[in-house]
Every structure is written in C-alpha cells, then in structure tokens.
PDB file of N, CA and C in Angstrom:
ATOM      1  N   ASP A   1      99.629 -14.144  78.182  1.00  0.00           N
ATOM      2  CA  ASP A   1     100.855 -14.654  77.483  1.00  0.00           C
ATOM      3  C   ASP A   1     100.605 -15.172  76.217  1.00  0.00           C
ATOM      4  N   LEU A   2     100.843 -14.356  75.133  1.00  0.00           N
ATOM      5  CA  LEU A   2     100.573 -14.827  73.761  1.00  0.00           C
ATOM      6  C   LEU A   2     101.366 -15.872  73.252  1.00  0.00           C
ATOM      7  N   ALA A   3     102.570 -15.954  73.737  1.00  0.00           N
ATOM      8  CA  ALA A   3     103.489 -17.257  73.375  1.00  0.00           C
ATOM      9  C   ALA A   3     102.870 -18.282  73.913  1.00  0.00           C
ATOM     10  N   ALA A   4     102.387 -18.524  75.231  1.00  0.00           N
ATOM     11  CA  ALA A   4     101.688 -19.769  75.880  1.00  0.00           C
ATOM     12  C   ALA A   4     100.466 -20.062  75.195  1.00  0.00           C
ATOM     13  N   ALA A   5      99.778 -18.958  74.519  1.00  0.00           N
ATOM     14  CA  ALA A   5      98.387 -19.181  73.825  1.00  0.00           C
ATOM     15  C   ALA A   5      98.714 -19.772  72.644  1.00  0.00           C
ATOM     16  N   GLY A   6      99.763 -19.175  72.157  1.00  0.00           N
ATOM     17  CA  GLY A   6     100.194 -19.966  70.570  1.00  0.00           C
ATOM     18  C   GLY A   6     100.383 -21.212  70.558  1.00  0.00           C
ATOM     19  N   ILE A   7     100.852 -21.962  71.860  1.00  0.00           N
ATOM     20  CA  ILE A   7     101.047 -23.405  71.874  1.00  0.00           C
ATOM     21  C   ILE A   7      99.706 -24.072  71.458  1.00  0.00           C
ATOM     22  N   TRP A   8      98.862 -23.813  72.298  1.00  0.00           N
ATOM     23  CA  TRP A   8      97.422 -24.273  72.440  1.00  0.00           C
ATOM     24  C   TRP A   8      96.902 -23.830  70.743  1.00  0.00           C
ATOM     25  N   ILE A   9      96.778 -22.920  70.483  1.00  0.00           N
ATOM     26  CA  ILE A   9      96.257 -22.421  69.136  1.00  0.00           C
ATOM     27  C   ILE A   9      96.767 -23.104  67.834  1.00  0.00           C
ATOM     28  N   ARG A  10      98.313 -23.409  67.943  1.00  0.00           N
ATOM     29  CA  ARG A  10      98.818 -24.367  67.058  1.00  0.00           C
ATOM     30  C   ARG A  10      98.436 -25.570  66.998  1.00  0.00           C
ATOM     31  N   ARG A  11      98.443 -26.193  68.265  1.00  0.00           N
ATOM     32  CA  ARG A  11      97.839 -27.483  68.472  1.00  0.00           C
ATOM     33  C   ARG A  11      96.611 -27.753  68.013  1.00  0.00           C
ATOM     34  N   ALA A  12      95.584 -26.779  68.036  1.00  0.00           N
ATOM     35  CA  ALA A  12      94.094 -26.853  67.440  1.00  0.00           C
ATOM     36  C   ALA A  12      94.494 -26.795  65.694  1.00  0.00           C
ATOM     37  N   ALA A  13      95.346 -25.818  65.562  1.00  0.00           N
ATOM     38  CA  ALA A  13      95.356 -25.458  63.914  1.00  0.00           C
ATOM     39  C   ALA A  13      96.024 -26.804  63.238  1.00  0.00           C
ATOM     40  N   GLU A  14      96.868 -27.224  63.983  1.00  0.00           N
ATOM     41  CA  GLU A  14      97.393 -28.524  63.370  1.00  0.00           C
ATOM     42  C   GLU A  14      96.611 -29.731  63.289  1.00  0.00           C
ATOM     43  N   GLN A  15      95.556 -29.881  64.156  1.00  0.00           N
ATOM     44  CA  GLN A  15      94.615 -30.896  63.891  1.00  0.00           C
ATOM     45  C   GLN A  15      93.563 -30.240  63.065  1.00  0.00           C
ATOM     46  N   GLY A  16      93.614 -29.262  62.374  1.00  0.00           N
ATOM     47  CA  GLY A  16      92.636 -28.871  61.436  1.00  0.00           C
ATOM     48  C   GLY A  16      91.284 -28.114  61.557  1.00  0.00           C
ATOM     49  N   TYR A  17      91.474 -27.398  63.002  1.00  0.00           N
ATOM     50  CA  TYR A  17      90.312 -26.445  63.191  1.00  0.00           C
ATOM     51  C   TYR A  17      90.736 -25.057  62.407  1.00  0.00           C
ATOM     52  N   ALA A  18      89.907 -25.050  61.515  1.00  0.00           N
ATOM     53  CA  ALA A  18      90.033 -23.880  60.832  1.00  0.00           C
ATOM     54  C   ALA A  18      90.085 -22.523  61.463  1.00  0.00           C
ATOM     55  N   GLN A  19      89.318 -22.210  62.412  1.00  0.00           N
ATOM     56  CA  GLN A  19      89.351 -20.864  63.245  1.00  0.00           C
ATOM     57  C   GLN A  19      90.660 -20.938  64.007  1.00  0.00           C
ATOM     58  N   ALA A  20      91.318 -21.842  64.225  1.00  0.00           N
ATOM     59  CA  ALA A  20      92.719 -21.961  64.930  1.00  0.00           C
ATOM     60  C   ALA A  20      93.640 -21.528  63.862  1.00  0.00           C
ATOM     61  N   GLN A  21      93.529 -21.989  62.823  1.00  0.00           N
ATOM     62  CA  GLN A  21      94.482 -21.813  61.831  1.00  0.00           C
ATOM     63  C   GLN A  21      94.389 -20.527  61.241  1.00  0.00           C
ATOM     64  N   VAL A  22      93.308 -19.939  61.335  1.00  0.00           N
ATOM     65  CA  VAL A  22      93.076 -18.219  61.068  1.00  0.00           C
ATOM     66  C   VAL A  22      94.007 -17.406  62.144  1.00  0.00           C
ATOM     67  N   ASN A  23      93.607 -17.979  63.397  1.00  0.00           N
ATOM     68  CA  ASN A  23      94.141 -17.395  64.390  1.00  0.00           C
ATOM     69  C   ASN A  23      95.674 -17.210  64.356  1.00  0.00           C
ATOM     70  N   PHE A  24      96.304 -18.813  64.343  1.00  0.00           N
ATOM     71  CA  PHE A  24      97.751 -18.812  64.141  1.00  0.00           C
ATOM     72  C   PHE A  24      98.265 -17.907  62.987  1.00  0.00           C
ATOM     73  N   GLY A  25      97.630 -17.911  61.985  1.00  0.00           N
ATOM     74  CA  GLY A  25      97.839 -17.200  60.923  1.00  0.00           C
ATOM     75  C   GLY A  25      98.140 -15.604  61.271  1.00  0.00           C
ATOM     76  N   THR A  26      97.116 -15.078  61.842  1.00  0.00           N
ATOM     77  CA  THR A  26      97.094 -13.798  62.467  1.00  0.00           C
ATOM     78  C   THR A  26      98.327 -13.679  63.250  1.00  0.00           C
ATOM     79  N   MET A  27      98.529 -14.706  64.300  1.00  0.00           N
ATOM     80  CA  MET A  27      99.926 -14.432  65.047  1.00  0.00           C
ATOM     81  C   MET A  27     101.040 -14.070  64.330  1.00  0.00           C
ATOM     82  N   TYR A  28     101.333 -14.918  63.229  1.00  0.00           N
ATOM     83  CA  TYR A  28     102.338 -14.927  62.354  1.00  0.00           C
ATOM     84  C   TYR A  28     102.378 -13.593  61.801  1.00  0.00           C
ATOM     85  N   GLN A  29     101.242 -12.988  61.178  1.00  0.00           N
ATOM     86  CA  GLN A  29     101.097 -11.896  60.416  1.00  0.00           C
ATOM     87  C   GLN A  29     101.587 -10.622  61.321  1.00  0.00           C
ATOM     88  N   ASN A  30     101.247 -10.641  62.544  1.00  0.00           N
ATOM     89  CA  ASN A  30     101.510  -9.616  63.279  1.00  0.00           C
ATOM     90  C   ASN A  30     102.389  -9.631  64.398  1.00  0.00           C
ATOM     91  N   GLY A  31     103.059 -10.977  64.276  1.00  0.00           N
ATOM     92  CA  GLY A  31     104.343 -11.308  65.266  1.00  0.00           C
ATOM     93  C   GLY A  31     103.756 -11.125  66.631  1.00  0.00           C
ATOM     94  N   ASP A  32     102.538 -11.647  66.910  1.00  0.00           N
ATOM     95  CA  ASP A  32     101.897 -11.810  68.224  1.00  0.00           C
ATOM     96  C   ASP A  32     102.410 -13.183  68.879  1.00  0.00           C
ATOM     97  N   GLY A  33     103.314 -13.058  69.923  1.00  0.00           N
ATOM     98  CA  GLY A  33     103.897 -14.350  70.454  1.00  0.00           C
ATOM     99  C   GLY A  33     104.771 -15.182  69.701  1.00  0.00           C
ATOM    100  N   VAL A  34     104.785 -14.812  68.579  1.00  0.00           N
ATOM    101  CA  VAL A  34     106.012 -15.538  67.534  1.00  0.00           C
ATOM    102  C   VAL A  34     106.649 -14.661  66.665  1.00  0.00           C
ATOM    103  N   VAL A  35     107.779 -15.062  65.975  1.00  0.00           N
ATOM    104  CA  VAL A  35     108.107 -14.029  65.128  1.00  0.00           C
ATOM    105  C   VAL A  35     107.587 -13.775  63.913  1.00  0.00           C
ATOM    106  N   ARG A  36     107.436 -12.574  63.577  1.00  0.00           N
ATOM    107  CA  ARG A  36     106.643 -12.363  62.257  1.00  0.00           C
ATOM    108  C   ARG A  36     107.173 -12.998  61.080  1.00  0.00           C
ATOM    109  N   LYS A  37     106.335 -13.926  60.165  1.00  0.00           N
ATOM    110  CA  LYS A  37     106.749 -14.604  58.966  1.00  0.00           C
ATOM    111  C   LYS A  37     105.333 -14.401  58.664  1.00  0.00           C
ATOM    112  N   LEU A  38     105.339 -13.574  57.281  1.00  0.00           N
ATOM    113  CA  LEU A  38     104.367 -13.408  56.453  1.00  0.00           C
ATOM    114  C   LEU A  38     104.023 -14.816  55.716  1.00  0.00           C
ATOM    115  N   MET A  39     105.264 -15.467  55.352  1.00  0.00           N
ATOM    116  CA  MET A  39     104.848 -16.807  54.611  1.00  0.00           C
ATOM    117  C   MET A  39     104.347 -17.926  55.234  1.00  0.00           C
ATOM    118  N   LYS A  40     104.545 -17.813  56.598  1.00  0.00           N
ATOM    119  CA  LYS A  40     103.938 -18.792  57.354  1.00  0.00           C
ATOM    120  C   LYS A  40     102.372 -18.165  57.802  1.00  0.00           C
ATOM    121  N   ALA A  41     102.187 -16.947  57.879  1.00  0.00           N
ATOM    122  CA  ALA A  41     100.654 -16.543  57.848  1.00  0.00           C
ATOM    123  C   ALA A  41      99.890 -16.898  56.761  1.00  0.00           C
ATOM    124  N   ALA A  42     100.546 -16.882  55.531  1.00  0.00           N
ATOM    125  CA  ALA A  42      99.765 -17.058  54.397  1.00  0.00           C
ATOM    126  C   ALA A  42      99.361 -18.727  54.443  1.00  0.00           C
ATOM    127  N   GLU A  43     100.572 -19.577  54.801  1.00  0.00           N
ATOM    128  CA  GLU A  43     100.303 -20.981  54.895  1.00  0.00           C
ATOM    129  C   GLU A  43      99.187 -21.336  55.598  1.00  0.00           C
ATOM    130  N   TRP A  44      98.979 -20.626  56.777  1.00  0.00           N
ATOM    131  CA  TRP A  44      97.866 -20.921  57.822  1.00  0.00           C
ATOM    132  C   TRP A  44      96.508 -20.538  57.186  1.00  0.00           C
ATOM    133  N   TYR A  45      96.525 -19.548  56.708  1.00  0.00           N
ATOM    134  CA  TYR A  45      95.332 -18.876  56.059  1.00  0.00           C
ATOM    135  C   TYR A  45      94.783 -19.720  55.093  1.00  0.00           C
ATOM    136  N   SER A  46      95.749 -20.446  54.237  1.00  0.00           N
ATOM    137  CA  SER A  46      95.441 -21.204  53.389  1.00  0.00           C
ATOM    138  C   SER A  46      95.168 -22.592  53.573  1.00  0.00           C
ATOM    139  N   LYS A  47      95.515 -22.942  54.634  1.00  0.00           N
ATOM    140  CA  LYS A  47      94.901 -24.179  55.189  1.00  0.00           C
ATOM    141  C   LYS A  47      93.447 -24.137  55.649  1.00  0.00           C
ATOM    142  N   ALA A  48      92.986 -22.942  56.056  1.00  0.00           N
ATOM    143  CA  ALA A  48      91.600 -22.635  56.576  1.00  0.00           C
ATOM    144  C   ALA A  48      90.957 -22.326  55.252  1.00  0.00           C
ATOM    145  N   ALA A  49      91.304 -21.665  54.359  1.00  0.00           N
ATOM    146  CA  ALA A  49      90.536 -21.392  53.085  1.00  0.00           C
ATOM    147  C   ALA A  49      90.139 -22.518  52.332  1.00  0.00           C
ATOM    148  N   GLU A  50      91.280 -23.253  52.157  1.00  0.00           N
ATOM    149  CA  GLU A  50      90.987 -24.661  51.411  1.00  0.00           C
ATOM    150  C   GLU A  50      89.960 -25.598  51.979  1.00  0.00           C
ATOM    151  N   GLN A  51      89.654 -25.327  53.354  1.00  0.00           N
ATOM    152  CA  GLN A  51      88.632 -26.276  54.090  1.00  0.00           C
ATOM    153  C   GLN A  51      87.213 -25.357  53.797  1.00  0.00           C
ATOM    154  N   GLY A  52      87.213 -24.226  53.115  1.00  0.00           N
ATOM    155  CA  GLY A  52      86.023 -23.508  52.772  1.00  0.00           C
ATOM    156  C   GLY A  52      85.639 -22.355  53.923  1.00  0.00           C
ATOM    157  N   TYR A  53      86.625 -22.217  54.892  1.00  0.00           N
ATOM    158  CA  TYR A  53      86.442 -21.351  55.940  1.00  0.00           C
ATOM    159  C   TYR A  53      86.266 -20.014  55.241  1.00  0.00           C
ATOM    160  N   ALA A  54      85.234 -19.101  55.683  1.00  0.00           N
ATOM    161  CA  ALA A  54      85.256 -18.143  54.985  1.00  0.00           C
ATOM    162  C   ALA A  54      86.208 -16.933  55.233  1.00  0.00           C
ATOM    163  N   ASP A  55      86.466 -16.718  56.883  1.00  0.00           N
ATOM    164  CA  ASP A  55      87.324 -16.026  57.259  1.00  0.00           C
ATOM    165  C   ASP A  55      89.130 -16.292  56.667  1.00  0.00           C
ATOM    166  N   GLY A  56      89.299 -17.616  56.657  1.00  0.00           N
ATOM    167  CA  GLY A  56      90.495 -18.061  55.913  1.00  0.00           C
ATOM    168  C   GLY A  56      90.517 -17.694  54.644  1.00  0.00           C
ATOM    169  N   GLN A  57      89.377 -17.732  53.937  1.00  0.00           N
ATOM    170  CA  GLN A  57      89.536 -17.124  52.514  1.00  0.00           C
ATOM    171  C   GLN A  57      89.674 -15.771  52.443  1.00  0.00           C
ATOM    172  N   PHE A  58      89.151 -15.047  53.265  1.00  0.00           N
ATOM    173  CA  PHE A  58      89.274 -13.499  53.190  1.00  0.00           C
ATOM    174  C   PHE A  58      90.681 -12.998  53.372  1.00  0.00           C
ATOM    175  N   TYR A  59      91.205 -13.710  54.751  1.00  0.00           N
ATOM    176  CA  TYR A  59      92.670 -13.493  54.776  1.00  0.00           C
ATOM    177  C   TYR A  59      93.586 -13.913  53.734  1.00  0.00           C
ATOM    178  N   PHE A  60      93.363 -14.919  53.177  1.00  0.00           N
ATOM    179  CA  PHE A  60      94.233 -15.650  52.271  1.00  0.00           C
ATOM    180  C   PHE A  60      94.149 -14.572  50.898  1.00  0.00           C
ATOM    181  N   GLY A  61      92.920 -13.961  50.541  1.00  0.00           N
ATOM    182  CA  GLY A  61      92.784 -12.954  49.796  1.00  0.00           C
ATOM    183  C   GLY A  61      93.562 -11.877  49.876  1.00  0.00           C
ATOM    184  N   GLN A  62      93.511 -11.406  51.297  1.00  0.00           N
ATOM    185  CA  GLN A  62      94.339 -10.364  51.483  1.00  0.00           C
ATOM    186  C   GLN A  62      95.674 -10.466  51.285  1.00  0.00           C
ATOM    187  N   CYS A  63      96.302 -11.779  51.554  1.00  0.00           N
ATOM    188  CA  CYS A  63      97.580 -12.050  51.479  1.00  0.00           C
ATOM    189  C   CYS A  63      98.051 -11.818  49.786  1.00  0.00           C
ATOM    190  N   TYR A  64      97.222 -12.123  48.860  1.00  0.00           N
ATOM    191  CA  TYR A  64      97.403 -12.193  47.431  1.00  0.00           C
ATOM    192  C   TYR A  64      97.180 -10.693  47.125  1.00  0.00           C
ATOM    193  N   GLN A  65      96.461 -10.101  47.853  1.00  0.00           N
ATOM    194  CA  GLN A  65      96.045  -8.347  47.454  1.00  0.00           C
ATOM    195  C   GLN A  65      97.247  -7.638  47.945  1.00  0.00           C
ATOM    196  N   MET A  66      97.838  -8.059  48.833  1.00  0.00           N
ATOM    197  CA  MET A  66      99.024  -7.188  49.486  1.00  0.00           C
ATOM    198  C   MET A  66     100.368  -7.769  49.165  1.00  0.00           C
ATOM    199  N   GLY A  67     100.391  -8.980  48.863  1.00  0.00           N
ATOM    200  CA  GLY A  67     101.756  -9.525  48.716  1.00  0.00           C
ATOM    201  C   GLY A  67     102.433 -10.017  49.954  1.00  0.00           C
ATOM    202  N   TYR A  68     101.675 -10.504  50.883  1.00  0.00           N
ATOM    203  CA  TYR A  68     101.882 -10.875  52.121  1.00  0.00           C
ATOM    204  C   TYR A  68     102.152 -12.455  52.036  1.00  0.00           C
ATOM    205  N   GLY A  69     103.608 -12.731  52.019  1.00  0.00           N
ATOM    206  CA  GLY A  69     103.912 -14.186  52.135  1.00  0.00           C
ATOM    207  C   GLY A  69     103.726 -14.745  50.810  1.00  0.00           C
ATOM    208  N   VAL A  70     103.006 -14.314  49.937  1.00  0.00           N
ATOM    209  CA  VAL A  70     102.971 -14.721  48.373  1.00  0.00           C
ATOM    210  C   VAL A  70     103.112 -13.924  47.414  1.00  0.00           C
ATOM    211  N   ALA A  71     103.283 -13.969  46.230  1.00  0.00           N
ATOM    212  CA  ALA A  71     103.283 -13.232  45.083  1.00  0.00           C
ATOM    213  C   ALA A  71     101.978 -12.170  45.145  1.00  0.00           C
ATOM    214  N   LYS A  72     102.112 -11.052  44.984  1.00  0.00           N
ATOM    215  CA  LYS A  72     101.103 -10.260  44.887  1.00  0.00           C
ATOM    216  C   LYS A  72     100.174 -10.466  43.438  1.00  0.00           C
ATOM    217  N   ASN A  73      98.706 -10.676  43.712  1.00  0.00           N
ATOM    218  CA  ASN A  73      98.235 -11.192  42.272  1.00  0.00           C
ATOM    219  C   ASN A  73      96.774 -11.080  42.684  1.00  0.00           C
ATOM    220  N   LEU A  74      96.493  -9.804  42.152  1.00  0.00           N
ATOM    221  CA  LEU A  74      95.054  -9.357  42.374  1.00  0.00           C
ATOM    222  C   LEU A  74      93.888 -10.127  41.867  1.00  0.00           C
ATOM    223  N   PRO A  75      94.018 -10.945  40.629  1.00  0.00           N
ATOM    224  CA  PRO A  75      92.969 -11.762  40.359  1.00  0.00           C
ATOM    225  C   PRO A  75      92.752 -12.950  41.182  1.00  0.00           C
ATOM    226  N   GLU A  76      93.793 -13.536  41.781  1.00  0.00           N
ATOM    227  CA  GLU A  76      93.859 -14.709  42.909  1.00  0.00           C
ATOM    228  C   GLU A  76      93.207 -13.891  44.128  1.00  0.00           C
ATOM    229  N   ALA A  77      93.510 -12.751  44.584  1.00  0.00           N
ATOM    230  CA  ALA A  77      92.928 -12.030  45.669  1.00  0.00           C
ATOM    231  C   ALA A  77      91.359 -12.159  45.396  1.00  0.00           C
ATOM    232  N   VAL A  78      91.118 -11.638  44.473  1.00  0.00           N
ATOM    233  CA  VAL A  78      89.341 -11.603  44.154  1.00  0.00           C
ATOM    234  C   VAL A  78      88.667 -13.009  44.124  1.00  0.00           C
ATOM    235  N   LYS A  79      89.599 -13.862  43.634  1.00  0.00           N
ATOM    236  CA  LYS A  79      88.837 -15.160  43.611  1.00  0.00           C
ATOM    237  C   LYS A  79      88.543 -15.792  45.144  1.00  0.00           C
ATOM    238  N   TRP A  80      89.354 -15.510  45.946  1.00  0.00           N
ATOM    239  CA  TRP A  80      89.482 -15.721  47.525  1.00  0.00           C
ATOM    240  C   TRP A  80      88.288 -14.996  48.040  1.00  0.00           C
ATOM    241  N   PHE A  81      88.240 -13.730  47.782  1.00  0.00           N
ATOM    242  CA  PHE A  81      87.407 -12.651  48.091  1.00  0.00           C
ATOM    243  C   PHE A  81      86.044 -13.121  47.842  1.00  0.00           C
ATOM    244  N   ARG A  82      85.937 -13.301  46.400  1.00  0.00           N
ATOM    245  CA  ARG A  82      84.468 -14.137  46.044  1.00  0.00           C
ATOM    246  C   ARG A  82      83.938 -15.179  46.780  1.00  0.00           C
ATOM    247  N   LYS A  83      84.875 -16.300  47.081  1.00  0.00           N
ATOM    248  CA  LYS A  83      84.491 -17.321  47.839  1.00  0.00           C
ATOM    249  C   LYS A  83      84.118 -16.941  49.474  1.00  0.00           C
ATOM    250  N   ALA A  84      84.919 -16.070  49.735  1.00  0.00           N
ATOM    251  CA  ALA A  84      84.567 -15.781  51.141  1.00  0.00           C
ATOM    252  C   ALA A  84      82.980 -15.060  51.180  1.00  0.00           C
ATOM    253  N   ALA A  85      83.059 -13.750  50.083  1.00  0.00           N
ATOM    254  CA  ALA A  85      81.661 -13.158  50.055  1.00  0.00           C
ATOM    255  C   ALA A  85      80.388 -13.878  49.947  1.00  0.00           C
ATOM    256  N   ASP A  86      80.600 -15.000  49.035  1.00  0.00           N
ATOM    257  CA  ASP A  86      79.480 -15.732  48.866  1.00  0.00           C
ATOM    258  C   ASP A  86      78.868 -16.413  50.015  1.00  0.00           C
ATOM    259  N   GLN A  87      79.755 -16.440  51.056  1.00  0.00           N
ATOM    260  CA  GLN A  87      79.254 -17.203  52.366  1.00  0.00           C
ATOM    261  C   GLN A  87      78.925 -15.943  53.581  1.00  0.00           C
ATOM    262  N   GLY A  88      78.808 -14.769  52.580  1.00  0.00           N
ATOM    263  CA  GLY A  88      78.357 -13.706  53.864  1.00  0.00           C
ATOM    264  C   GLY A  88      79.451 -13.061  54.477  1.00  0.00           C
ATOM    265  N   GLN A  89      80.738 -13.200  53.969  1.00  0.00           N
ATOM    266  CA  GLN A  89      81.880 -12.566  54.940  1.00  0.00           C
ATOM    267  C   GLN A  89      81.989 -11.127  54.546  1.00  0.00           C
ATOM    268  N   VAL A  90      81.606 -10.348  55.366  1.00  0.00           N
ATOM    269  CA  VAL A  90      81.259  -8.855  55.014  1.00  0.00           C
ATOM    270  C   VAL A  90      82.533  -8.297  54.459  1.00  0.00           C
ATOM    271  N   GLU A  91      83.775  -8.512  55.312  1.00  0.00           N
ATOM    272  CA  GLU A  91      84.904  -7.645  54.849  1.00  0.00           C
ATOM    273  C   GLU A  91      85.404  -8.257  53.437  1.00  0.00           C
ATOM    274  N   ALA A  92      85.051  -9.414  52.998  1.00  0.00           N
ATOM    275  CA  ALA A  92      85.396  -9.925  51.630  1.00  0.00           C
ATOM    276  C   ALA A  92      84.541  -9.091  50.793  1.00  0.00           C
ATOM    277  N   ARG A  93      83.215  -8.781  50.988  1.00  0.00           N
ATOM    278  CA  ARG A  93      82.276  -8.019  50.098  1.00  0.00           C
ATOM    279  C   ARG A  93      82.960  -6.684  49.945  1.00  0.00           C
ATOM    280  N   ASN A  94      83.393  -6.132  51.010  1.00  0.00           N
ATOM    281  CA  ASN A  94      83.992  -4.510  50.829  1.00  0.00           C
ATOM    282  C   ASN A  94      85.258  -4.608  50.161  1.00  0.00           C
ATOM    283  N   ALA A  95      86.297  -5.789  50.189  1.00  0.00           N
ATOM    284  CA  ALA A  95      87.131  -6.001  49.588  1.00  0.00           C
ATOM    285  C   ALA A  95      87.100  -6.023  48.168  1.00  0.00           C
ATOM    286  N   LEU A  96      85.865  -6.776  47.765  1.00  0.00           N
ATOM    287  CA  LEU A  96      85.695  -6.903  46.391  1.00  0.00           C
ATOM    288  C   LEU A  96      85.349  -5.626  45.707  1.00  0.00           C
ATOM    289  N   ARG A  97      84.887  -4.739  46.433  1.00  0.00           N
ATOM    290  CA  ARG A  97      84.710  -3.387  45.764  1.00  0.00           C
ATOM    291  C   ARG A  97      85.869  -2.322  45.354  1.00  0.00           C
ATOM    292  N   SER A  98      87.021  -3.088  46.157  1.00  0.00           N
ATOM    293  CA  SER A  98      88.357  -2.246  46.045  1.00  0.00           C
ATOM    294  C   SER A  98      89.315  -2.802  45.245  1.00  0.00           C
ATOM    295  N   ALA A  99      89.074  -4.382  45.023  1.00  0.00           N
ATOM    296  CA  ALA A  99      90.084  -4.904  44.448  1.00  0.00           C
ATOM    297  C   ALA A  99      89.482  -5.793  43.242  1.00  0.00           C
ATOM    298  N   ARG A 100      89.128  -4.863  42.136  1.00  0.00           N
ATOM    299  CA  ARG A 100      88.564  -5.502  40.968  1.00  0.00           C
ATOM    300  C   ARG A 100      89.529  -5.656  39.812  1.00  0.00           C
ATOM    301  N   PRO A 101      89.660  -6.899  39.417  1.00  0.00           N
ATOM    302  CA  PRO A 101      90.544  -7.143  38.241  1.00  0.00           C
ATOM    303  C   PRO A 101      90.262  -6.272  37.009  1.00  0.00           C
ATOM    304  N   PRO A 102      91.447  -6.105  36.082  1.00  0.00           N
ATOM    305  CA  PRO A 102      91.318  -5.283  35.131  1.00  0.00           C
ATOM    306  C   PRO A 102      90.103  -6.014  34.203  1.00  0.00           C
ATOM    307  N   CYS A 103      89.391  -5.153  33.477  1.00  0.00           N
ATOM    308  CA  CYS A 103      88.327  -6.020  32.628  1.00  0.00           C
ATOM    309  C   CYS A 103      88.853  -6.398  31.406  1.00  0.00           C
ATOM    310  N   SER A 104      88.634  -7.636  31.000  1.00  0.00           N
ATOM    311  CA  SER A 104      88.991  -8.373  29.951  1.00  0.00           C
ATOM    312  C   SER A 104      88.261  -7.890  28.473  1.00  0.00           C
ATOM    313  N   PHE A 105      87.136  -7.323  28.714  1.00  0.00           N
ATOM    314  CA  PHE A 105      86.456  -6.980  27.552  1.00  0.00           C
ATOM    315  C   PHE A 105      86.776  -5.637  26.772  1.00  0.00           C
ATOM    316  N   SER A 106      87.606  -6.154  25.467  1.00  0.00           N
ATOM    317  CA  SER A 106      88.370  -5.121  25.041  1.00  0.00           C
ATOM    318  C   SER A 106      87.506  -3.944  24.701  1.00  0.00           C
ATOM    319  N   GLY A 107      86.215  -3.898  24.530  1.00  0.00           N
ATOM    320  CA  GLY A 107      85.679  -2.690  23.999  1.00  0.00           C
ATOM    321  C   GLY A 107      84.946  -1.901  25.367  1.00  0.00           C
ATOM    322  N   CYS A 108      85.206  -2.347  26.520  1.00  0.00           N
ATOM    323  CA  CYS A 108      85.017  -1.674  27.809  1.00  0.00           C
ATOM    324  C   CYS A 108      85.071  -0.350  27.844  1.00  0.00           C
ATOM    325  N   PRO A 109      84.109   0.749  27.881  1.00  0.00           N
ATOM    326  CA  PRO A 109      84.444   1.998  28.261  1.00  0.00           C
ATOM    327  C   PRO A 109      84.783   2.333  29.275  1.00  0.00           C
ATOM    328  N   PHE A 110      84.798   1.461  30.368  1.00  0.00           N
ATOM    329  CA  PHE A 110      85.279   1.994  31.678  1.00  0.00           C
ATOM    330  C   PHE A 110      86.888   1.586  32.099  1.00  0.00           C
ATOM    331  N   LEU A 111      87.486   1.032  30.942  1.00  0.00           N
ATOM    332  CA  LEU A 111      88.764   0.762  31.275  1.00  0.00           C
ATOM    333  C   LEU A 111      89.457   1.829  30.521  1.00  0.00           C
ATOM    334  N   SER A 112      90.588   2.482  31.359  1.00  0.00           N
ATOM    335  CA  SER A 112      91.436   3.377  30.790  1.00  0.00           C
ATOM    336  C   SER A 112      92.554   2.524  29.811  1.00  0.00           C
ATOM    337  N   ALA A 113      93.250   3.501  29.162  1.00  0.00           N
ATOM    338  CA  ALA A 113      94.306   2.926  28.302  1.00  0.00           C
ATOM    339  C   ALA A 113      95.269   1.967  28.910  1.00  0.00           C
ATOM    340  N   ASP A 114      95.644   2.527  30.019  1.00  0.00           N
ATOM    341  CA  ASP A 114      96.812   2.178  31.118  1.00  0.00           C
ATOM    342  C   ASP A 114      96.320   0.739  31.851  1.00  0.00           C
ATOM    343  N   GLY A 115      95.105   0.788  31.864  1.00  0.00           N
ATOM    344  CA  GLY A 115      94.464  -0.564  32.660  1.00  0.00           C
ATOM    345  C   GLY A 115      94.437   0.087  34.327  1.00  0.00           C
ATOM    346  N   SER A 116      94.528   1.502  34.498  1.00  0.00           N
ATOM    347  CA  SER A 116      94.326   1.745  36.041  1.00  0.00           C
ATOM    348  C   SER A 116      92.843   1.924  36.473  1.00  0.00           C
ATOM    349  N   GLN A 117      91.831   2.045  35.540  1.00  0.00           N
ATOM    350  CA  GLN A 117      90.586   1.969  35.651  1.00  0.00           C
ATOM    351  C   GLN A 117      89.866   0.613  35.775  1.00  0.00           C
ATOM    352  N   PHE A 118      89.161   0.121  36.624  1.00  0.00           N
ATOM    353  CA  PHE A 118      88.616  -1.091  36.836  1.00  0.00           C
ATOM    354  C   PHE A 118      87.052  -1.099  36.731  1.00  0.00           C
ATOM    355  N   CYS A 119      86.629  -2.029  35.904  1.00  0.00           N
ATOM    356  CA  CYS A 119      85.310  -2.330  35.366  1.00  0.00           C
ATOM    357  C   CYS A 119      84.615  -2.820  36.570  1.00  0.00           C
ATOM    358  N   ALA A 120      83.306  -2.396  36.733  1.00  0.00           N
ATOM    359  CA  ALA A 120      82.561  -2.922  37.488  1.00  0.00           C
ATOM    360  C   ALA A 120      81.467  -3.908  37.142  1.00  0.00           C
ATOM    361  N   LEU A 121      81.379  -3.952  35.791  1.00  0.00           N
ATOM    362  CA  LEU A 121      80.322  -4.466  34.856  1.00  0.00           C
ATOM    363  C   LEU A 121      80.836  -5.738  34.320  1.00  0.00           C
ATOM    364  N   HIS A 122      81.936  -5.779  33.727  1.00  0.00           N
ATOM    365  CA  HIS A 122      82.422  -7.096  33.349  1.00  0.00           C
ATOM    366  C   HIS A 122      83.752  -7.563  33.943  1.00  0.00           C
ATOM    367  N   GLY A 123      84.294  -7.103  35.087  1.00  0.00           N
ATOM    368  CA  GLY A 123      85.177  -7.392  35.868  1.00  0.00           C
ATOM    369  C   GLY A 123      84.823  -8.583  36.950  1.00  0.00           C
TER     370      GLY A 123
END
C-alpha cells in the first residue's frame, strides 16, 4: 500500500534523510500514494540536493530541465546535473550531454544564429 508506505517515507524525509526525501519527491512527481504535485516533488528533491545527495541533485536538475514544479531553466538544470555528475551519478552525466546551455563565447563556430545549437567546448 503506497499510501501507508508514504507515511513512513515522509517521516524519514522530515527527519532529513536524503534518500527518503528523494523517494517522497518521486511519490509526488508520479502521484504514487499521494496526489500528484510537481511543486512538492521539486521541494523534496531540493532538500536532498542541498544536502549534497547526488540523486537529489539529479532529480532537482530534471525539475529545472522539464519545468516540473519550478520555472524551466536550463542553466540551473545543468548546474545541478554537474553537481551530481561530479559525484559519479551516471544519469546526470548522460543528462549533461543533452542539456547544454547556449555558448556564451560570441565567436563560437558551433553556435547557430538562433541559439539552437549548443556548444560542447565552451558551454
């Protein structure tokens, strides 16, 4: 019973256990045992991310990448993906390959005029 499990997961999350915070965030993101609320999911992921928990950083980055519960913000997503990837989080490493911010180097030959191409060298 997911609703019953959610009670125990929430208790652990409220006590600051990062893995429980990620699990509770995932419950909110998917609507498993709770009403689906993307803002709540982002809040719980952020608590784990701020503690330096790699999975929390990855999921919080996804929130920014997709606009789940927060304003869509690709540079912020990349920031959190990098933090998680630096700890070896494989999904974050993969996400970095697909979520590069536009290059800020004005002479970059890899950046299209409309900004749709992302630079792997300078970004």
